Amino acid sequence: MSLYDRLADLPLVIDDSDLELRERDTSSGFLRTSTIISLHGDGATGRGEDVTYDNEPHYELVEAAPEFPFSEVETFGEFSELVGDLELFVGDEPKDPIYRSYRRWGFESAALDLALKQAGTDLATRLDTEYAPVSFVASTRLGEPPTLDRVEGLLADNPDLQFKLDPTDEWTPAIVDDLAETDAVRILDLKGFYEGTDVDQSGDPDLYGMLLDSFPDAVVEDPDLTPETRPLFDGEEHRVSWDAPITGVESVENLPWEPDWLNIKPSRFGSVESLLSTVEYCREYSIRMYGGGQFELGVGRQHLHALASLFYPDSPNDVAPRAYNDPEPESDLPRSPLNPPADPDGFEWE
């Protein structure tokens, strides 16, 4: 029986729903907005989080508060089929098609949480496994111009902390040397698949070469492979991870080579079925996984922890607690690994 089959036949009763906006300034210099989706039924509430990056679609959805025909479904599998056919956006068409997956994941994760709670169980128990402590890295940018201030500040609080960093063209050899000396860089996110965003970073062979030489043990995520940069990865393919292109099994099969690493961001998959099918594919082909986040502001971060705890607990998971995303993080932040909950409920993990 597949992982998804263990969940699809969960009975589900939905009587009502509501939406709640969340907003918070981030360490990357933008106002993050998300929507908490709550589904109610049979005395329980299931919650999910829509992590669409444009703020306006969140405002439009909460203001419109549309009525969805969720009361028609009787199982979680039926809910997944229904929500896959519904128009979940009001107002303008989303700027990026992937936002449809983000919103669908918000609704599906809420329904899964509710179905598990109504069955009196949790995700680990339903999948016949146990939660494990979750290792994590801290993700941050170095600012403009880049400095090590934030990295050094976090290391002063926790000398064992490791990082996922986003290199840019502004990184100098001195910056790279100083970072290498920390021995704390686990993942370098080259963001080679982004277009029209504030984090676009085209493939620079000089930058790529410097990074590959200076961080020989780091995982290198989403390189922009061009005739100039592709030769740099000859013999280094095992260090390359993929994030932005990964939306399901087919997307993994279409990568330039069979991967050794994947960044699993649940919202990119849209459906629980697509996510779990990809996890099973990675297990079958010995592809290592780590979890990734989307600046979640609420229950979505718990879902990242739950999934990492079940499927890739010892990996360099980019799922640090929300406090690490604060513009001015406090001292004495939670340390890796994060212990699983003593009494888990539904899809929650706290």
Protein backbone atom coordinates (compact mmCIF):
# COMPACT_ATOMS: atom_id res chain seq x y z
CA MET A 1 0.00 0.00 0.00
CA SER A 2 1.38 3.42 -0.96
CA LEU A 3 1.83 6.21 1.57
CA TYR A 4 -1.01 8.14 0.00
CA ASP A 5 -3.34 5.13 0.05
CA ARG A 6 -2.93 5.04 3.83
CA LEU A 7 -4.48 8.53 3.96
CA ALA A 8 -6.95 8.71 1.07
CA ASP A 9 -9.71 6.70 2.73
CA LEU A 10 -9.69 8.69 5.98
CA PRO A 11 -13.30 9.78 6.67
CA LEU A 12 -13.76 13.54 6.54
CA VAL A 13 -16.60 15.79 7.67
CA ILE A 14 -16.40 19.52 6.91
CA ASP A 15 -19.15 21.77 8.28
CA ASP A 16 -17.50 25.18 8.02
CA SER A 17 -14.29 27.02 7.17
CA ASP A 18 -12.59 30.34 7.84
CA LEU A 19 -9.54 32.28 6.68
CA GLU A 20 -7.04 34.36 8.65
CA LEU A 21 -4.32 36.69 7.35
CA ARG A 22 -0.83 36.58 8.84
CA GLU A 23 1.86 39.22 8.17
CA ARG A 24 5.43 39.61 9.37
CA ASP A 25 8.63 41.38 8.37
CA THR A 26 11.42 38.99 7.36
CA SER A 27 15.20 38.92 7.44
CA SER A 28 15.17 39.14 3.63
CA GLY A 29 13.65 42.60 3.75
CA PHE A 30 10.06 42.02 2.66
CA LEU A 31 6.64 41.81 4.30
CA ARG A 32 5.54 38.18 4.29
CA THR A 33 1.80 37.57 4.04
CA SER A 34 0.15 34.17 4.27
CA THR A 35 -3.35 32.83 4.85
CA ILE A 36 -4.23 30.32 7.55
CA ILE A 37 -7.00 28.05 6.30
CA SER A 38 -9.17 26.44 8.99
CA LEU A 39 -11.65 23.66 8.25
CA HIS A 40 -14.14 22.67 10.96
CA GLY A 41 -16.19 19.54 11.44
CA ASP A 42 -17.28 16.97 14.01
CA GLY A 43 -15.91 19.10 16.85
CA ALA A 44 -12.39 19.36 15.40
CA THR A 45 -10.43 21.95 13.40
CA GLY A 46 -7.78 21.29 10.76
CA ARG A 47 -5.40 24.02 9.68
CA GLY A 48 -3.21 24.66 6.65
CA GLU A 49 -1.26 27.61 5.29
CA ASP A 50 -1.28 29.20 1.84
CA VAL A 51 2.22 30.53 1.16
CA THR A 52 1.56 32.39 -2.11
CA TYR A 53 4.24 35.09 -2.31
CA ASP A 54 2.19 37.96 -3.78
CA ASN A 55 0.27 39.68 -1.00
CA GLU A 56 -2.76 40.83 -2.99
CA PRO A 57 -4.19 37.33 -3.62
CA HIS A 58 -4.28 36.79 0.14
CA TYR A 59 -6.21 40.01 0.70
CA GLU A 60 -8.62 39.15 -2.12
CA LEU A 61 -9.31 35.65 -0.79
CA VAL A 62 -9.92 36.71 2.82
CA GLU A 63 -12.10 39.65 1.78
CA ALA A 64 -14.21 37.54 -0.58
CA ALA A 65 -14.46 34.58 1.86
CA PRO A 66 -15.90 32.36 -0.89
CA GLU A 67 -18.12 29.41 -0.06
CA PHE A 68 -16.56 26.15 -1.25
CA PRO A 69 -18.60 22.90 -1.57
CA PHE A 70 -16.47 21.03 0.94
CA SER A 71 -19.46 19.54 2.75
CA GLU A 72 -19.99 17.25 -0.27
CA VAL A 73 -16.90 15.12 0.42
CA GLU A 74 -16.78 12.10 2.71
CA THR A 75 -13.08 11.16 2.61
CA PHE A 76 -9.75 12.94 2.38
CA GLY A 77 -9.20 11.42 -1.08
CA GLU A 78 -12.50 12.90 -2.29
CA PHE A 79 -11.47 16.27 -0.90
CA SER A 80 -8.18 16.13 -2.80
CA GLU A 81 -9.97 15.38 -6.06
CA LEU A 82 -12.49 18.17 -5.47
CA VAL A 83 -9.98 20.86 -4.51
CA GLY A 84 -7.87 19.96 -7.54
CA ASP A 85 -10.80 20.98 -9.77
CA LEU A 86 -11.87 24.13 -7.90
CA GLU A 87 -10.91 27.72 -8.73
CA LEU A 88 -9.29 28.78 -5.48
CA PHE A 89 -8.29 32.27 -6.61
CA VAL A 90 -10.59 35.28 -6.74
CA GLY A 91 -9.82 38.47 -8.62
CA ASP A 92 -6.86 38.48 -10.99
CA GLU A 93 -5.09 35.41 -12.33
CA PRO A 94 -2.09 34.55 -10.11
CA LYS A 95 1.15 36.02 -11.44
CA ASP A 96 2.95 32.70 -11.22
CA PRO A 97 1.21 29.36 -12.01
CA ILE A 98 2.99 27.69 -9.07
CA TYR A 99 0.83 29.79 -6.74
CA ARG A 100 -2.06 27.48 -7.61
CA SER A 101 -0.07 24.63 -6.09
CA TYR A 102 0.77 26.74 -3.04
CA ARG A 103 -2.91 27.47 -2.39
CA ARG A 104 -4.03 23.92 -3.07
CA TRP A 105 -1.45 22.67 -0.57
CA GLY A 106 -2.85 25.07 2.01
CA PHE A 107 -6.32 23.57 1.64
CA GLU A 108 -5.17 19.95 1.36
CA SER A 109 -2.92 20.16 4.41
CA ALA A 110 -5.82 21.63 6.40
CA ALA A 111 -8.10 18.79 5.28
CA LEU A 112 -5.47 16.18 6.13
CA ASP A 113 -5.02 17.71 9.57
CA LEU A 114 -8.79 17.61 10.12
CA ALA A 115 -9.23 14.04 8.84
CA LEU A 116 -6.44 12.77 11.10
CA LYS A 117 -7.91 14.56 14.12
CA GLN A 118 -11.40 13.24 13.41
CA ALA A 119 -9.91 9.74 13.28
CA GLY A 120 -8.17 10.35 16.61
CA THR A 121 -4.71 9.83 15.18
CA ASP A 122 -1.63 11.63 13.84
CA LEU A 123 0.36 11.43 10.62
CA ALA A 124 3.14 9.20 11.94
CA THR A 125 0.73 6.67 13.41
CA ARG A 126 -1.37 6.57 10.26
CA LEU A 127 1.75 5.91 8.17
CA ASP A 128 2.87 3.22 10.65
CA THR A 129 6.08 4.98 11.65
CA GLU A 130 7.43 7.31 14.36
CA TYR A 131 8.58 10.91 14.54
CA ALA A 132 12.31 11.51 14.92
CA PRO A 133 14.26 14.63 16.00
CA VAL A 134 14.69 17.09 13.11
CA SER A 135 18.06 18.56 12.19
CA PHE A 136 17.93 22.01 10.61
CA VAL A 137 20.09 24.73 9.07
CA ALA A 138 19.46 28.47 9.13
CA SER A 139 18.76 30.18 5.83
CA THR A 140 19.78 33.79 5.33
CA ARG A 141 21.10 36.35 2.87
CA LEU A 142 24.15 38.50 3.56
CA GLY A 143 22.60 41.84 2.58
CA GLU A 144 23.75 44.54 0.14
CA PRO A 145 26.64 45.01 0.32
CA PRO A 146 27.20 41.53 1.75
CA THR A 147 28.59 41.22 5.25
CA LEU A 148 29.00 38.41 7.72
CA ASP A 149 27.20 40.33 10.47
CA ARG A 150 24.11 38.13 10.60
CA VAL A 151 26.05 34.88 10.25
CA GLU A 152 28.51 35.90 12.95
CA GLY A 153 25.71 37.02 15.23
CA LEU A 154 23.89 33.70 14.93
CA LEU A 155 27.13 31.75 15.41
CA ALA A 156 27.93 33.76 18.52
CA ASP A 157 24.62 32.56 19.97
CA ASN A 158 25.04 28.98 18.67
CA PRO A 159 28.55 27.96 17.50
CA ASP A 160 27.20 24.64 16.16
CA LEU A 161 24.68 26.25 13.80
CA GLN A 162 24.95 25.47 10.08
CA PHE A 163 23.68 27.58 7.19
CA LYS A 164 21.97 27.56 3.83
CA LEU A 165 23.15 30.72 2.06
CA ASP A 166 22.20 32.49 -1.18
CA PRO A 167 25.37 33.59 -3.03
CA THR A 168 25.12 36.68 -5.24
CA ASP A 169 27.35 38.49 -7.71
CA GLU A 170 28.31 40.85 -4.88
CA TRP A 171 30.12 38.09 -2.99
CA THR A 172 33.83 38.91 -3.05
CA PRO A 173 36.74 36.48 -2.60
CA ALA A 174 37.24 37.97 0.88
CA ILE A 175 33.61 37.26 1.84
CA VAL A 176 33.90 33.71 0.51
CA ASP A 177 37.16 33.11 2.38
CA ASP A 178 35.68 34.38 5.64
CA LEU A 179 32.61 32.19 5.22
CA ALA A 180 34.72 29.15 4.43
CA GLU A 181 36.67 29.68 7.65
CA THR A 182 33.47 29.32 9.69
CA ASP A 183 33.07 25.75 8.42
CA ALA A 184 29.33 26.32 8.89
CA VAL A 185 28.05 26.49 5.29
CA ARG A 186 26.10 23.36 4.42
CA ILE A 187 24.07 24.46 1.37
CA LEU A 188 24.65 27.13 -1.29
CA ASP A 189 21.42 28.10 -3.07
CA LEU A 190 22.37 29.52 -6.47
CA LYS A 191 18.72 30.32 -7.39
CA GLY A 192 19.37 29.67 -11.06
CA PHE A 193 15.71 29.02 -11.91
CA TYR A 194 14.18 32.32 -10.81
CA GLU A 195 13.10 34.97 -13.32
CA GLY A 196 11.52 38.33 -12.60
CA THR A 197 12.00 38.15 -8.82
CA ASP A 198 14.08 40.04 -6.30
CA VAL A 199 16.35 37.01 -5.87
CA ASP A 200 17.21 36.32 -9.53
CA GLN A 201 20.80 35.14 -9.94
CA SER A 202 22.02 34.19 -13.39
CA GLY A 203 24.84 31.71 -13.78
CA ASP A 204 28.24 33.38 -13.32
CA PRO A 205 31.05 30.91 -14.07
CA ASP A 206 33.54 32.89 -12.00
CA LEU A 207 31.24 32.89 -8.98
CA TYR A 208 30.35 29.21 -9.43
CA GLY A 209 33.99 28.20 -9.74
CA MET A 210 34.95 30.13 -6.63
CA LEU A 211 32.12 28.56 -4.63
CA LEU A 212 32.83 25.00 -5.75
CA ASP A 213 36.50 25.36 -4.84
CA SER A 214 35.96 27.15 -1.51
CA PHE A 215 33.15 24.95 -0.17
CA PRO A 216 34.10 21.43 -1.31
CA ASP A 217 31.65 19.72 1.05
CA ALA A 218 28.62 21.99 0.53
CA VAL A 219 25.49 20.93 -1.34
CA VAL A 220 24.96 23.24 -4.33
CA GLU A 221 21.31 23.96 -5.10
CA ASP A 222 19.66 25.03 -8.37
CA PRO A 223 22.63 26.00 -10.54
CA ASP A 224 21.94 27.83 -13.78
CA LEU A 225 23.44 25.35 -16.25
CA THR A 226 24.72 27.12 -19.35
CA PRO A 227 27.46 26.24 -21.86
CA GLU A 228 29.80 28.26 -19.63
CA THR A 229 28.77 26.83 -16.24
CA ARG A 230 27.91 23.20 -17.07
CA PRO A 231 31.57 22.05 -17.39
CA LEU A 232 32.25 23.28 -13.86
CA PHE A 233 30.00 20.52 -12.52
CA ASP A 234 31.74 17.64 -14.28
CA GLY A 235 32.50 15.23 -11.46
CA GLU A 236 30.51 17.38 -9.01
CA GLU A 237 27.04 16.21 -9.98
CA HIS A 238 26.67 14.35 -6.68
CA ARG A 239 26.80 17.69 -4.84
CA VAL A 240 23.99 19.28 -6.83
CA SER A 241 20.49 19.58 -5.41
CA TRP A 242 17.30 20.77 -7.08
CA ASP A 243 14.54 22.86 -5.55
CA ALA A 244 12.52 25.23 -7.76
CA PRO A 245 11.91 22.69 -10.57
CA ILE A 246 10.66 19.95 -8.24
CA THR A 247 6.87 19.63 -8.33
CA GLY A 248 6.38 15.86 -8.64
CA VAL A 249 7.87 12.62 -9.92
CA GLU A 250 7.85 13.72 -13.56
CA SER A 251 9.86 16.82 -12.73
CA VAL A 252 12.52 14.64 -11.05
CA GLU A 253 12.71 12.38 -14.10
CA ASN A 254 13.23 15.44 -16.32
CA LEU A 255 16.32 16.76 -14.50
CA PRO A 256 19.62 17.04 -16.42
CA TRP A 257 20.95 13.96 -14.62
CA GLU A 258 19.77 11.51 -11.96
CA PRO A 259 19.96 13.57 -8.78
CA ASP A 260 21.64 12.73 -5.49
CA TRP A 261 19.82 15.49 -3.55
CA LEU A 262 16.40 17.13 -3.67
CA ASN A 263 14.93 20.00 -1.66
CA ILE A 264 11.37 18.95 -0.80
CA LYS A 265 9.06 21.95 -0.41
CA PRO A 266 5.55 20.55 0.15
CA SER A 267 3.74 23.60 -1.23
CA ARG A 268 5.38 23.14 -4.65
CA PHE A 269 3.67 19.77 -5.05
CA GLY A 270 0.15 21.08 -4.49
CA SER A 271 -1.36 17.73 -3.58
CA VAL A 272 -0.48 15.37 -0.77
CA GLU A 273 -0.52 12.52 -3.29
CA SER A 274 2.14 14.16 -5.49
CA LEU A 275 4.34 14.90 -2.48
CA LEU A 276 4.19 11.38 -1.08
CA SER A 277 4.67 9.76 -4.50
CA THR A 278 7.85 11.80 -4.90
CA VAL A 279 9.08 10.78 -1.45
CA GLU A 280 8.55 7.13 -2.39
CA TYR A 281 10.36 7.66 -5.71
CA CYS A 282 13.34 9.16 -3.87
CA ARG A 283 13.42 6.22 -1.49
CA GLU A 284 13.34 3.75 -4.38
CA TYR A 285 16.23 5.44 -6.21
CA SER A 286 18.30 6.38 -3.12
CA ILE A 287 17.89 10.13 -3.67
CA ARG A 288 18.65 12.06 -0.51
CA MET A 289 16.07 14.61 0.57
CA TYR A 290 15.94 17.63 2.83
CA GLY A 291 13.02 19.87 3.69
CA GLY A 292 12.63 23.45 2.55
CA GLY A 293 10.49 26.32 3.77
CA GLN A 294 8.64 29.28 2.31
CA PHE A 295 8.75 31.79 5.19
CA GLU A 296 5.70 30.15 6.76
CA LEU A 297 4.12 32.25 9.49
CA GLY A 298 1.87 29.69 11.12
CA VAL A 299 0.95 26.02 11.03
CA GLY A 300 2.74 25.51 7.71
CA ARG A 301 6.05 25.46 9.59
CA GLN A 302 4.73 22.63 11.79
CA HIS A 303 3.86 20.64 8.69
CA LEU A 304 7.43 21.05 7.41
CA HIS A 305 8.74 19.72 10.71
CA ALA A 306 6.34 16.77 10.70
CA LEU A 307 7.32 15.71 7.18
CA ALA A 308 11.04 16.15 7.83
CA SER A 309 10.67 14.17 11.05
CA LEU A 310 9.14 11.25 9.15
CA PHE A 311 11.15 11.17 5.94
CA TYR A 312 14.52 13.01 6.22
CA PRO A 313 15.18 13.92 9.87
CA ASP A 314 19.00 13.87 9.72
CA SER A 315 19.34 15.99 6.56
CA PRO A 316 20.28 19.70 6.39
CA ASN A 317 16.64 20.75 6.55
CA ASP A 318 15.90 24.38 5.75
CA VAL A 319 13.10 24.39 8.33
CA ALA A 320 14.56 26.42 11.18
CA PRO A 321 11.96 27.77 13.64
CA ARG A 322 10.30 31.04 12.61
CA ALA A 323 12.41 33.12 15.00
CA TYR A 324 15.40 32.61 12.70
CA ASN A 325 13.61 34.68 10.04
CA ASP A 326 13.20 37.73 12.26
CA PRO A 327 15.09 40.83 11.06
CA GLU A 328 16.70 41.03 14.52
CA PRO A 329 16.72 37.49 15.94
CA GLU A 330 16.76 37.08 19.68
CA SER A 331 19.46 35.21 21.56
CA ASP A 332 19.05 31.67 22.84
CA LEU A 333 17.19 30.48 19.74
CA PRO A 334 16.05 26.85 19.46
CA ARG A 335 18.89 24.52 18.56
CA SER A 336 19.12 21.61 16.17
CA PRO A 337 17.78 18.96 16.37
CA LEU A 338 14.18 19.77 17.27
CA ASN A 339 12.55 17.15 19.46
CA PRO A 340 9.25 15.68 18.23
CA PRO A 341 6.06 16.35 20.18
CA ALA A 342 5.24 14.07 23.10
CA ASP A 343 1.55 13.93 22.17
CA PRO A 344 1.12 14.64 18.42
CA ASP A 345 -2.32 15.35 17.02
CA GLY A 346 -3.36 15.32 13.38
CA PHE A 347 -0.79 16.96 11.09
CA GLU A 348 0.44 19.21 13.91
CA TRP A 349 4.01 18.99 15.22
CA GLU A 350 4.61 21.14 18.29
